[in-house]
Each structure stands twice: as C-alpha cells, then as structure tokens.
Amino acid sequence: MNKVILMGRLTRDPEVSSSTSGTTFARYSIAVDRRFKREGEPDADFFNCTSFGKQAEFVERYLKKGTKVVVSGRLQNNNYTNKDGQKVYDVRIMVEDIEFAESKNASSDGSYTGAQSQGSAAGGNDFLNIPDGLVEELPFS
C-alpha cells in the first residue's frame, strides 16, 4: 500500500503548466511542522506535491503561499541523471485529494477559533473538555 497524508502550509505559490498532451498540472511544496523538535534540527520537513487536471485548476485558483492544506496521495520516485551525469533522487507526493485545513479568515489574519485551538487552550492537549454532569449523557461512556 502506498498512501500518505500530510497537513502543512504552501511554501510558495503553485506553478501551473500544461503537458504536451494538454493535461494541466500544478507543482507546489508544503512545509509540515515536526511534532518533536530537537536542538539544531529543522522545525519542519518540506514535501514536493503534484496535482493534475481539475485538481490542478483548483490549486491554481484557490491556493497561495501560506495556505494551510491537508493532502493525501501516494509517494512516487522521480529519479534521474542530471546534465553533469550525477544521479538525482527525488520523491514527490502525487496528490489524490486536497482540502483546506483552516478557514479563509484564519489564513489571512493568523488566528483560528476552531475546535483545535479550543482543545489546546484548555490544557495544552488536543482533547476537548467535557463539562461535569454531561458524561452520563454520552452514549459511549
């Protein structure tokens, strides 16, 4: 199975082109924050992504540098020998699905008021606080 799911921000505006057969494709990269950060190591990893067809048109129209997205797709090797005769190893995400990871307002002013930030503000974790007395009413308690 070859499946990858990533959430991150575009590092630059997408580059959109058409192949000789007329297929539209968009190339872009996303920065994904590392969960655990160590002294002297990068805070994020950068992944190259490619979308095709209608999805590439969506990317061109709605995404720009800094937009937070969730992509899912497959990894594909794109190894080649450059003009200097050196072997170049490249891994690219061939995007199958892409979604916005925050509202348009959140991406433009840097604030987010959704459930994730509420969970983080409520004690430094990603769990939502349930008020006392409500637990008995939950179907799975």
N, C-alpha and C. Protein backbone atom coordinates (compact mmCIF):
# COMPACT_ATOMS: atom_id res chain seq x y z
N MET A 1 0.85 -1.17 0.00
CA MET A 1 0.00 0.00 0.00
C MET A 1 0.90 1.24 0.00
N ASN A 2 0.54 2.22 -0.77
CA ASN A 2 1.31 3.46 -0.90
C ASN A 2 0.35 4.62 -0.64
N LYS A 3 0.30 5.11 0.59
CA LYS A 3 -0.64 6.17 0.97
C LYS A 3 0.05 7.11 1.94
N VAL A 4 -0.09 8.40 1.70
CA VAL A 4 0.49 9.40 2.58
C VAL A 4 -0.53 10.51 2.81
N ILE A 5 -0.60 11.00 4.05
CA ILE A 5 -1.50 12.10 4.40
C ILE A 5 -0.65 13.13 5.15
N LEU A 6 -0.67 14.37 4.68
CA LEU A 6 0.12 15.43 5.28
C LEU A 6 -0.71 16.68 5.47
N MET A 7 -0.40 17.44 6.53
CA MET A 7 -1.01 18.74 6.72
C MET A 7 0.11 19.75 6.89
N GLY A 8 0.04 20.80 6.09
CA GLY A 8 1.06 21.83 6.17
C GLY A 8 0.67 23.06 5.37
N ARG A 9 1.61 23.98 5.27
CA ARG A 9 1.38 25.24 4.56
C ARG A 9 2.20 25.28 3.29
N LEU A 10 1.61 25.85 2.24
CA LEU A 10 2.34 26.02 0.99
C LEU A 10 3.52 26.96 1.22
N THR A 11 4.68 26.58 0.70
CA THR A 11 5.89 27.38 0.88
C THR A 11 6.04 28.44 -0.20
N ARG A 12 5.30 28.31 -1.28
CA ARG A 12 5.32 29.28 -2.38
C ARG A 12 4.02 29.13 -3.17
N ASP A 13 3.75 30.09 -4.03
CA ASP A 13 2.58 29.98 -4.91
C ASP A 13 2.77 28.79 -5.85
N PRO A 14 1.69 28.07 -6.16
CA PRO A 14 1.81 26.91 -7.07
C PRO A 14 2.26 27.33 -8.47
N GLU A 15 3.00 26.45 -9.12
CA GLU A 15 3.41 26.63 -10.50
C GLU A 15 2.53 25.73 -11.35
N VAL A 16 1.74 26.32 -12.24
CA VAL A 16 0.79 25.56 -13.04
C VAL A 16 1.23 25.58 -14.49
N SER A 17 1.20 24.41 -15.13
CA SER A 17 1.60 24.26 -16.53
C SER A 17 0.70 23.24 -17.20
N SER A 18 0.90 23.07 -18.49
CA SER A 18 0.20 22.03 -19.24
C SER A 18 1.23 21.17 -19.94
N SER A 19 0.94 19.87 -20.00
CA SER A 19 1.83 18.95 -20.72
C SER A 19 1.57 19.06 -22.21
N THR A 20 2.39 18.40 -22.99
CA THR A 20 2.21 18.42 -24.45
C THR A 20 0.89 17.79 -24.86
N SER A 21 0.35 16.90 -24.02
CA SER A 21 -0.94 16.27 -24.32
C SER A 21 -2.12 17.14 -23.87
N GLY A 22 -1.82 18.28 -23.21
CA GLY A 22 -2.88 19.18 -22.79
C GLY A 22 -3.34 19.01 -21.35
N THR A 23 -2.74 18.09 -20.61
CA THR A 23 -3.11 17.89 -19.21
C THR A 23 -2.52 18.99 -18.35
N THR A 24 -3.38 19.63 -17.55
CA THR A 24 -2.91 20.67 -16.64
C THR A 24 -2.34 20.01 -15.40
N PHE A 25 -1.21 20.54 -14.91
CA PHE A 25 -0.65 20.04 -13.67
C PHE A 25 -0.12 21.22 -12.85
N ALA A 26 -0.17 21.06 -11.54
CA ALA A 26 0.31 22.09 -10.61
C ALA A 26 1.37 21.47 -9.72
N ARG A 27 2.46 22.19 -9.56
CA ARG A 27 3.53 21.77 -8.65
C ARG A 27 3.64 22.80 -7.53
N TYR A 28 3.77 22.29 -6.32
CA TYR A 28 3.88 23.14 -5.15
C TYR A 28 4.55 22.34 -4.04
N SER A 29 4.98 23.01 -3.01
CA SER A 29 5.57 22.30 -1.88
C SER A 29 4.88 22.76 -0.60
N ILE A 30 4.85 21.85 0.37
CA ILE A 30 4.26 22.19 1.66
C ILE A 30 5.29 21.94 2.76
N ALA A 31 5.23 22.80 3.77
CA ALA A 31 6.06 22.64 4.96
C ALA A 31 5.20 22.00 6.04
N VAL A 32 5.69 20.90 6.59
CA VAL A 32 4.97 20.17 7.63
C VAL A 32 5.80 20.26 8.91
N ASP A 33 5.20 20.86 9.95
CA ASP A 33 5.91 21.00 11.22
C ASP A 33 6.22 19.64 11.80
N ARG A 34 7.41 19.53 12.36
CA ARG A 34 7.77 18.30 13.07
C ARG A 34 7.13 18.31 14.44
N ARG A 35 6.66 17.17 14.86
CA ARG A 35 5.98 17.07 16.15
C ARG A 35 6.97 17.28 17.30
N PHE A 36 8.14 16.67 17.20
CA PHE A 36 9.16 16.79 18.23
C PHE A 36 10.34 17.54 17.62
N LYS A 37 10.73 18.60 18.27
CA LYS A 37 11.81 19.43 17.75
C LYS A 37 13.03 19.29 18.64
N ARG A 38 14.18 19.08 18.00
CA ARG A 38 15.44 18.93 18.73
C ARG A 38 16.37 20.08 18.37
N GLU A 39 17.21 20.41 19.31
CA GLU A 39 18.18 21.48 19.13
C GLU A 39 19.04 21.21 17.89
N GLY A 40 19.14 22.19 17.03
CA GLY A 40 20.00 22.08 15.85
C GLY A 40 19.36 21.37 14.66
N GLU A 41 18.15 20.87 14.81
CA GLU A 41 17.46 20.21 13.70
C GLU A 41 16.37 21.11 13.17
N PRO A 42 15.96 20.90 11.91
CA PRO A 42 14.89 21.73 11.34
C PRO A 42 13.57 21.56 12.09
N ASP A 43 12.75 22.62 12.07
CA ASP A 43 11.44 22.57 12.71
C ASP A 43 10.38 21.96 11.80
N ALA A 44 10.68 21.86 10.51
CA ALA A 44 9.68 21.37 9.54
C ALA A 44 10.37 20.55 8.45
N ASP A 45 9.57 19.74 7.79
CA ASP A 45 10.01 19.00 6.62
C ASP A 45 9.27 19.56 5.41
N PHE A 46 9.89 19.53 4.25
CA PHE A 46 9.32 20.11 3.05
C PHE A 46 9.09 19.01 2.02
N PHE A 47 7.87 18.99 1.47
CA PHE A 47 7.48 17.94 0.54
C PHE A 47 6.99 18.56 -0.76
N ASN A 48 7.49 18.03 -1.88
CA ASN A 48 7.03 18.46 -3.20
C ASN A 48 5.78 17.70 -3.56
N CYS A 49 4.78 18.43 -4.08
CA CYS A 49 3.49 17.84 -4.42
C CYS A 49 3.13 18.16 -5.87
N THR A 50 2.36 17.28 -6.50
CA THR A 50 1.86 17.50 -7.85
C THR A 50 0.39 17.11 -7.91
N SER A 51 -0.42 18.01 -8.51
CA SER A 51 -1.84 17.75 -8.75
C SER A 51 -2.09 17.83 -10.25
N PHE A 52 -3.10 17.10 -10.73
CA PHE A 52 -3.40 17.07 -12.16
C PHE A 52 -4.85 17.45 -12.43
N GLY A 53 -5.12 17.86 -13.67
CA GLY A 53 -6.47 18.08 -14.16
C GLY A 53 -7.23 19.15 -13.40
N LYS A 54 -8.50 18.82 -13.07
CA LYS A 54 -9.37 19.76 -12.35
C LYS A 54 -8.77 20.14 -11.00
N GLN A 55 -8.12 19.21 -10.36
CA GLN A 55 -7.49 19.49 -9.07
C GLN A 55 -6.38 20.53 -9.23
N ALA A 56 -5.62 20.46 -10.31
CA ALA A 56 -4.58 21.46 -10.58
C ALA A 56 -5.21 22.84 -10.80
N GLU A 57 -6.34 22.87 -11.47
CA GLU A 57 -7.05 24.14 -11.68
C GLU A 57 -7.54 24.71 -10.35
N PHE A 58 -8.02 23.83 -9.46
CA PHE A 58 -8.44 24.25 -8.12
C PHE A 58 -7.25 24.84 -7.36
N VAL A 59 -6.13 24.16 -7.42
CA VAL A 59 -4.91 24.62 -6.74
C VAL A 59 -4.51 26.00 -7.26
N GLU A 60 -4.54 26.16 -8.57
CA GLU A 60 -4.16 27.44 -9.17
C GLU A 60 -5.10 28.56 -8.71
N ARG A 61 -6.37 28.27 -8.65
CA ARG A 61 -7.37 29.30 -8.35
C ARG A 61 -7.41 29.68 -6.87
N TYR A 62 -7.30 28.70 -5.96
CA TYR A 62 -7.58 28.95 -4.56
C TYR A 62 -6.39 28.90 -3.60
N LEU A 63 -5.28 28.35 -4.00
CA LEU A 63 -4.16 28.20 -3.08
C LEU A 63 -3.05 29.19 -3.38
N LYS A 64 -2.40 29.66 -2.32
CA LYS A 64 -1.27 30.56 -2.48
C LYS A 64 -0.29 30.29 -1.33
N LYS A 65 0.85 30.93 -1.37
CA LYS A 65 1.84 30.75 -0.33
C LYS A 65 1.20 31.01 1.04
N GLY A 66 1.43 30.09 1.99
CA GLY A 66 0.91 30.23 3.34
C GLY A 66 -0.40 29.53 3.60
N THR A 67 -1.11 29.10 2.55
CA THR A 67 -2.39 28.41 2.74
C THR A 67 -2.14 27.06 3.42
N LYS A 68 -2.93 26.79 4.46
CA LYS A 68 -2.81 25.52 5.18
C LYS A 68 -3.75 24.50 4.54
N VAL A 69 -3.18 23.34 4.16
CA VAL A 69 -3.95 22.31 3.47
C VAL A 69 -3.65 20.93 4.06
N VAL A 70 -4.57 20.01 3.77
CA VAL A 70 -4.36 18.59 4.03
C VAL A 70 -4.34 17.91 2.67
N VAL A 71 -3.27 17.20 2.39
CA VAL A 71 -3.18 16.46 1.13
C VAL A 71 -3.07 14.97 1.44
N SER A 72 -3.67 14.17 0.58
CA SER A 72 -3.47 12.73 0.65
C SER A 72 -3.18 12.26 -0.76
N GLY A 73 -2.34 11.27 -0.83
CA GLY A 73 -1.93 10.76 -2.14
C GLY A 73 -0.95 9.63 -1.99
N ARG A 74 -0.07 9.53 -2.97
CA ARG A 74 0.91 8.44 -2.97
C ARG A 74 2.29 9.00 -3.22
N LEU A 75 3.29 8.31 -2.73
CA LEU A 75 4.68 8.69 -2.97
C LEU A 75 5.12 8.13 -4.31
N GLN A 76 5.89 8.92 -5.02
CA GLN A 76 6.42 8.44 -6.30
C GLN A 76 7.87 8.89 -6.43
N ASN A 77 8.75 7.95 -6.78
CA ASN A 77 10.14 8.29 -7.05
C ASN A 77 10.25 8.96 -8.39
N ASN A 78 11.07 9.98 -8.46
CA ASN A 78 11.34 10.68 -9.72
C ASN A 78 12.85 10.82 -9.84
N ASN A 79 13.54 9.69 -9.99
CA ASN A 79 14.99 9.68 -10.05
C ASN A 79 15.45 9.88 -11.49
N TYR A 80 16.53 10.64 -11.64
CA TYR A 80 17.06 10.90 -12.98
C TYR A 80 18.54 11.25 -12.89
N THR A 81 19.20 11.28 -14.03
CA THR A 81 20.59 11.69 -14.11
C THR A 81 20.62 13.09 -14.70
N ASN A 82 21.25 14.03 -13.98
CA ASN A 82 21.28 15.41 -14.46
C ASN A 82 22.32 15.59 -15.56
N LYS A 83 22.43 16.81 -16.08
CA LYS A 83 23.32 17.07 -17.22
C LYS A 83 24.79 16.91 -16.86
N ASP A 84 25.12 16.89 -15.54
CA ASP A 84 26.50 16.67 -15.10
C ASP A 84 26.80 15.19 -14.88
N GLY A 85 25.82 14.33 -15.17
CA GLY A 85 25.99 12.90 -15.02
C GLY A 85 25.78 12.39 -13.60
N GLN A 86 25.28 13.24 -12.72
CA GLN A 86 25.03 12.84 -11.34
C GLN A 86 23.61 12.32 -11.18
N LYS A 87 23.47 11.26 -10.40
CA LYS A 87 22.16 10.67 -10.14
C LYS A 87 21.44 11.56 -9.11
N VAL A 88 20.21 11.97 -9.44
CA VAL A 88 19.40 12.80 -8.56
C VAL A 88 18.22 11.96 -8.09
N TYR A 89 18.02 11.92 -6.77
CA TYR A 89 16.93 11.17 -6.18
C TYR A 89 15.87 12.15 -5.70
N ASP A 90 14.66 11.99 -6.17
CA ASP A 90 13.57 12.89 -5.83
C ASP A 90 12.33 12.07 -5.49
N VAL A 91 11.67 12.44 -4.42
CA VAL A 91 10.41 11.82 -4.05
C VAL A 91 9.35 12.90 -4.09
N ARG A 92 8.24 12.61 -4.71
CA ARG A 92 7.16 13.58 -4.89
C ARG A 92 5.86 12.96 -4.40
N ILE A 93 4.98 13.81 -3.85
CA ILE A 93 3.64 13.37 -3.45
C ILE A 93 2.73 13.59 -4.66
N MET A 94 2.15 12.53 -5.17
CA MET A 94 1.17 12.63 -6.25
C MET A 94 -0.19 12.74 -5.55
N VAL A 95 -0.73 13.95 -5.53
CA VAL A 95 -1.90 14.26 -4.72
C VAL A 95 -3.17 13.68 -5.34
N GLU A 96 -3.93 12.97 -4.52
CA GLU A 96 -5.21 12.42 -4.94
C GLU A 96 -6.36 13.25 -4.38
N ASP A 97 -6.20 13.76 -3.15
CA ASP A 97 -7.21 14.61 -2.51
C ASP A 97 -6.51 15.78 -1.83
N ILE A 98 -7.17 16.93 -1.84
CA ILE A 98 -6.64 18.10 -1.16
C ILE A 98 -7.80 18.86 -0.54
N GLU A 99 -7.60 19.34 0.68
CA GLU A 99 -8.63 20.08 1.41
C GLU A 99 -7.99 21.25 2.13
N PHE A 100 -8.78 22.30 2.35
CA PHE A 100 -8.33 23.39 3.20
C PHE A 100 -8.26 22.88 4.64
N ALA A 101 -7.26 23.33 5.39
CA ALA A 101 -7.12 22.91 6.78
C ALA A 101 -7.53 24.00 7.75
N GLU A 102 -7.92 25.16 7.24
CA GLU A 102 -8.41 26.24 8.08
C GLU A 102 -9.29 27.15 7.24
N SER A 103 -10.05 27.99 7.92
CA SER A 103 -10.94 28.90 7.20
C SER A 103 -10.14 29.97 6.48
N LYS A 104 -10.78 30.61 5.52
CA LYS A 104 -10.13 31.69 4.78
C LYS A 104 -9.74 32.83 5.72
N ASN A 105 -10.61 33.15 6.68
CA ASN A 105 -10.30 34.21 7.64
C ASN A 105 -9.09 33.87 8.48
N ALA A 106 -8.97 32.61 8.89
CA ALA A 106 -7.85 32.20 9.72
C ALA A 106 -6.53 32.34 8.97
N SER A 107 -6.53 32.02 7.69
CA SER A 107 -5.28 32.09 6.94
C SER A 107 -4.88 33.52 6.65
N SER A 108 -5.83 34.45 6.60
CA SER A 108 -5.47 35.82 6.27
C SER A 108 -5.03 36.64 7.48
N ASP A 109 -5.59 36.36 8.67
CA ASP A 109 -5.20 37.17 9.82
C ASP A 109 -4.41 36.40 10.88
N GLY A 110 -4.15 35.10 10.63
CA GLY A 110 -3.30 34.33 11.52
C GLY A 110 -3.97 33.78 12.77
N SER A 111 -5.26 34.04 12.97
CA SER A 111 -5.93 33.49 14.15
C SER A 111 -6.90 32.39 13.72
N TYR A 112 -7.15 31.48 14.63
CA TYR A 112 -8.05 30.37 14.35
C TYR A 112 -8.87 30.10 15.59
N THR A 113 -10.19 30.04 15.44
CA THR A 113 -11.05 29.86 16.61
C THR A 113 -11.79 28.54 16.57
N GLY A 114 -11.27 27.55 15.89
CA GLY A 114 -11.93 26.26 15.77
C GLY A 114 -11.66 25.36 16.96
N ALA A 115 -12.13 24.11 16.87
CA ALA A 115 -12.03 23.17 17.98
C ALA A 115 -10.59 22.85 18.35
N GLN A 116 -9.66 22.84 17.38
CA GLN A 116 -8.29 22.51 17.70
C GLN A 116 -7.69 23.52 18.67
N SER A 117 -7.89 24.80 18.40
CA SER A 117 -7.30 25.78 19.30
C SER A 117 -8.02 25.78 20.64
N GLN A 118 -9.30 25.46 20.67
CA GLN A 118 -10.00 25.38 21.94
C GLN A 118 -9.42 24.24 22.77
N GLY A 119 -9.15 23.11 22.15
CA GLY A 119 -8.57 21.98 22.87
C GLY A 119 -7.19 22.31 23.39
N SER A 120 -6.37 22.99 22.60
CA SER A 120 -5.03 23.34 23.03
C SER A 120 -5.07 24.35 24.16
N ALA A 121 -5.97 25.31 24.08
CA ALA A 121 -6.06 26.34 25.11
C ALA A 121 -6.61 25.77 26.41
N ALA A 122 -7.29 24.65 26.33
CA ALA A 122 -7.95 24.09 27.51
C ALA A 122 -7.05 23.20 28.34
N GLY A 123 -5.76 23.24 28.12
CA GLY A 123 -4.90 22.43 28.97
C GLY A 123 -3.68 21.91 28.25
N GLY A 124 -3.38 22.44 27.07
CA GLY A 124 -2.16 22.06 26.39
C GLY A 124 -2.23 20.74 25.66
N ASN A 125 -3.41 20.16 25.50
CA ASN A 125 -3.51 18.92 24.74
C ASN A 125 -4.60 19.09 23.68
N ASP A 126 -4.84 18.06 22.93
CA ASP A 126 -5.81 18.15 21.84
C ASP A 126 -7.18 17.59 22.22
N PHE A 127 -7.47 17.44 23.50
CA PHE A 127 -8.75 16.90 23.93
C PHE A 127 -9.70 18.03 24.29
N LEU A 128 -10.95 17.83 24.00
CA LEU A 128 -11.97 18.82 24.32
C LEU A 128 -12.46 18.56 25.73
N ASN A 129 -12.53 19.59 26.55
CA ASN A 129 -13.03 19.45 27.92
C ASN A 129 -14.54 19.26 27.89
N ILE A 130 -15.03 18.24 28.60
CA ILE A 130 -16.46 17.96 28.70
C ILE A 130 -16.92 18.44 30.07
N PRO A 131 -17.95 19.28 30.11
CA PRO A 131 -18.43 19.81 31.40
C PRO A 131 -18.89 18.68 32.32
N ASP A 132 -18.74 18.90 33.64
CA ASP A 132 -19.19 17.92 34.64
C ASP A 132 -20.69 17.67 34.48
N GLY A 133 -21.11 16.44 34.68
CA GLY A 133 -22.52 16.08 34.60
C GLY A 133 -22.95 15.66 33.20
N LEU A 134 -22.18 16.01 32.20
CA LEU A 134 -22.54 15.69 30.83
C LEU A 134 -22.08 14.27 30.46
N VAL A 135 -21.10 13.76 31.18
CA VAL A 135 -20.54 12.44 30.87
C VAL A 135 -21.60 11.35 30.92
N GLU A 136 -22.52 11.44 31.86
CA GLU A 136 -23.56 10.42 31.99
C GLU A 136 -24.48 10.37 30.78
N GLU A 137 -24.58 11.46 30.05
CA GLU A 137 -25.47 11.52 28.90
C GLU A 137 -24.82 11.04 27.60
N LEU A 138 -23.51 10.85 27.63
CA LEU A 138 -22.81 10.40 26.43
C LEU A 138 -23.11 8.93 26.16
N PRO A 139 -23.38 8.55 24.91
CA PRO A 139 -23.76 7.16 24.60
C PRO A 139 -22.63 6.16 24.76
N PHE A 140 -21.39 6.59 24.79
CA PHE A 140 -20.27 5.67 24.83
C PHE A 140 -19.56 5.64 26.18
N SER A 141 -20.12 6.30 27.19
CA SER A 141 -19.44 6.36 28.49
C SER A 141 -19.64 5.10 29.29
